[in-house]
Amino acid sequence: MTDTERLQELETLAKAANAAPAETLAKCDALIEDLVKARIAEGHDELSAHRHVLSDAHPVGSKLYKLSTQLSEQIAYQDRIFLG
């Protein structure tokens, strides 16, 4: 499965009404880490690998990062509303 296919699968999961934000967030973060590890395997150091994957220079990584951020905000909002 390509990175783009995995991203589409995650986006579909996130849009599903019964998708658990925490589960989607965990999958999203795991995919980001996979991309970083692949970049490190290419010879980049960890910091530059993270920066590249999370930047707009990496189309899949940047979308995953934005989705991760949105899910984190959603979870924080739900916790604040439901847990007081």
C-alpha atoms as a PDB file:
ATOM      1  CA  MET A   1       0.000   0.000   0.000  1.00  0.00           C
ATOM      2  CA  THR A   2       1.452   3.384  -0.959  1.00  0.00           C
ATOM      3  CA  ASP A   3       1.668   6.367   1.370  1.00  0.00           C
ATOM      4  CA  THR A   4      -1.054   8.113  -0.596  1.00  0.00           C
ATOM      5  CA  GLU A   5      -3.375   5.113  -0.300  1.00  0.00           C
ATOM      6  CA  ARG A   6      -2.701   4.952   3.429  1.00  0.00           C
ATOM      7  CA  LEU A   7      -3.479   8.665   3.735  1.00  0.00           C
ATOM      8  CA  GLN A   8      -6.753   8.220   1.846  1.00  0.00           C
ATOM      9  CA  GLU A   9      -7.660   5.324   4.114  1.00  0.00           C
ATOM     10  CA  LEU A  10      -7.007   7.474   7.175  1.00  0.00           C
ATOM     11  CA  GLU A  11      -9.005  10.385   5.797  1.00  0.00           C
ATOM     12  CA  THR A  12     -11.929   8.064   5.116  1.00  0.00           C
ATOM     13  CA  LEU A  13     -11.661   6.660   8.619  1.00  0.00           C
ATOM     14  CA  ALA A  14     -11.532  10.154  10.136  1.00  0.00           C
ATOM     15  CA  LYS A  15     -14.638  11.218   8.228  1.00  0.00           C
ATOM     16  CA  ALA A  16     -16.650   8.189   9.254  1.00  0.00           C
ATOM     17  CA  ALA A  17     -19.240   9.091  11.850  1.00  0.00           C
ATOM     18  CA  ASN A  18     -18.262   6.268  14.165  1.00  0.00           C
ATOM     19  CA  ALA A  19     -14.488   6.717  13.880  1.00  0.00           C
ATOM     20  CA  ALA A  20     -12.767   7.035  17.208  1.00  0.00           C
ATOM     21  CA  PRO A  21     -10.508  10.110  17.135  1.00  0.00           C
ATOM     22  CA  ALA A  22      -7.924   8.529  19.451  1.00  0.00           C
ATOM     23  CA  GLU A  23      -7.614   5.435  17.255  1.00  0.00           C
ATOM     24  CA  THR A  24      -7.288   7.535  14.111  1.00  0.00           C
ATOM     25  CA  LEU A  25      -4.735   9.776  15.823  1.00  0.00           C
ATOM     26  CA  ALA A  26      -2.629   6.765  16.812  1.00  0.00           C
ATOM     27  CA  LYS A  27      -2.668   5.451  13.244  1.00  0.00           C
ATOM     28  CA  CYS A  28      -1.827   8.879  11.899  1.00  0.00           C
ATOM     29  CA  ASP A  29       1.121   9.276  14.263  1.00  0.00           C
ATOM     30  CA  ALA A  30       2.365   5.783  13.373  1.00  0.00           C
ATOM     31  CA  LEU A  31       2.302   6.667   9.680  1.00  0.00           C
ATOM     32  CA  ILE A  32       4.239   9.857  10.358  1.00  0.00           C
ATOM     33  CA  GLU A  33       6.857   7.856  12.252  1.00  0.00           C
ATOM     34  CA  ASP A  34       7.080   5.378   9.355  1.00  0.00           C
ATOM     35  CA  LEU A  35       7.768   8.264   6.981  1.00  0.00           C
ATOM     36  CA  VAL A  36      10.421   9.655   9.323  1.00  0.00           C
ATOM     37  CA  LYS A  37      12.097   6.250   9.627  1.00  0.00           C
ATOM     38  CA  ALA A  38      12.146   5.926   5.843  1.00  0.00           C
ATOM     39  CA  ARG A  39      13.792   9.335   5.596  1.00  0.00           C
ATOM     40  CA  ILE A  40      16.375   8.358   8.227  1.00  0.00           C
ATOM     41  CA  ALA A  41      17.069   5.164   6.267  1.00  0.00           C
ATOM     42  CA  GLU A  42      17.915   7.402   3.303  1.00  0.00           C
ATOM     43  CA  GLY A  43      20.739   8.911   5.369  1.00  0.00           C
ATOM     44  CA  HIS A  44      19.115  11.969   6.946  1.00  0.00           C
ATOM     45  CA  ASP A  45      19.457  12.702  10.653  1.00  0.00           C
ATOM     46  CA  GLU A  46      16.389  12.409  12.869  1.00  0.00           C
ATOM     47  CA  LEU A  47      15.756  16.136  13.263  1.00  0.00           C
ATOM     48  CA  SER A  48      15.941  16.923   9.550  1.00  0.00           C
ATOM     49  CA  ALA A  49      13.814  13.855   8.796  1.00  0.00           C
ATOM     50  CA  HIS A  50      11.084  15.095  11.153  1.00  0.00           C
ATOM     51  CA  ARG A  51      11.274  18.616   9.784  1.00  0.00           C
ATOM     52  CA  HIS A  52      10.997  17.426   6.185  1.00  0.00           C
ATOM     53  CA  VAL A  53       8.120  14.995   6.803  1.00  0.00           C
ATOM     54  CA  LEU A  54       6.103  17.563   8.768  1.00  0.00           C
ATOM     55  CA  SER A  55       6.706  20.379   6.287  1.00  0.00           C
ATOM     56  CA  ASP A  56       4.840  21.232   3.122  1.00  0.00           C
ATOM     57  CA  ALA A  57       7.804  19.798   1.183  1.00  0.00           C
ATOM     58  CA  HIS A  58       6.388  16.326   1.906  1.00  0.00           C
ATOM     59  CA  PRO A  59       2.776  16.265   0.652  1.00  0.00           C
ATOM     60  CA  VAL A  60       1.675  13.112   2.481  1.00  0.00           C
ATOM     61  CA  GLY A  61       3.533  13.896   5.695  1.00  0.00           C
ATOM     62  CA  SER A  62       2.177  17.438   5.870  1.00  0.00           C
ATOM     63  CA  LYS A  63      -1.401  16.218   5.397  1.00  0.00           C
ATOM     64  CA  LEU A  64      -0.911  13.579   8.085  1.00  0.00           C
ATOM     65  CA  TYR A  65       0.490  16.241  10.406  1.00  0.00           C
ATOM     66  CA  LYS A  66      -2.491  18.540   9.793  1.00  0.00           C
ATOM     67  CA  LEU A  67      -4.901  15.656  10.364  1.00  0.00           C
ATOM     68  CA  SER A  68      -3.037  14.726  13.552  1.00  0.00           C
ATOM     69  CA  THR A  69      -3.265  18.301  14.802  1.00  0.00           C
ATOM     70  CA  GLN A  70      -6.996  18.479  14.062  1.00  0.00           C
ATOM     71  CA  LEU A  71      -7.628  15.188  15.832  1.00  0.00           C
ATOM     72  CA  SER A  72      -5.624  16.305  18.870  1.00  0.00           C
ATOM     73  CA  GLU A  73      -7.679  19.485  19.040  1.00  0.00           C
ATOM     74  CA  GLN A  74     -10.907  17.502  18.674  1.00  0.00           C
ATOM     75  CA  ILE A  75      -9.933  15.133  21.479  1.00  0.00           C
ATOM     76  CA  ALA A  76      -8.949  18.051  23.742  1.00  0.00           C
ATOM     77  CA  TYR A  77     -12.267  19.782  23.016  1.00  0.00           C
ATOM     78  CA  GLN A  78     -14.256  16.627  23.721  1.00  0.00           C
ATOM     79  CA  ASP A  79     -12.361  16.068  26.962  1.00  0.00           C
ATOM     80  CA  ARG A  80     -13.040  19.640  28.044  1.00  0.00           C
ATOM     81  CA  ILE A  81     -16.746  19.424  27.189  1.00  0.00           C
ATOM     82  CA  PHE A  82     -17.485  15.932  28.459  1.00  0.00           C
ATOM     83  CA  LEU A  83     -15.126  15.792  31.411  1.00  0.00           C
ATOM     84  CA  GLY A  84     -15.630  19.370  32.507  1.00  0.00           C
END
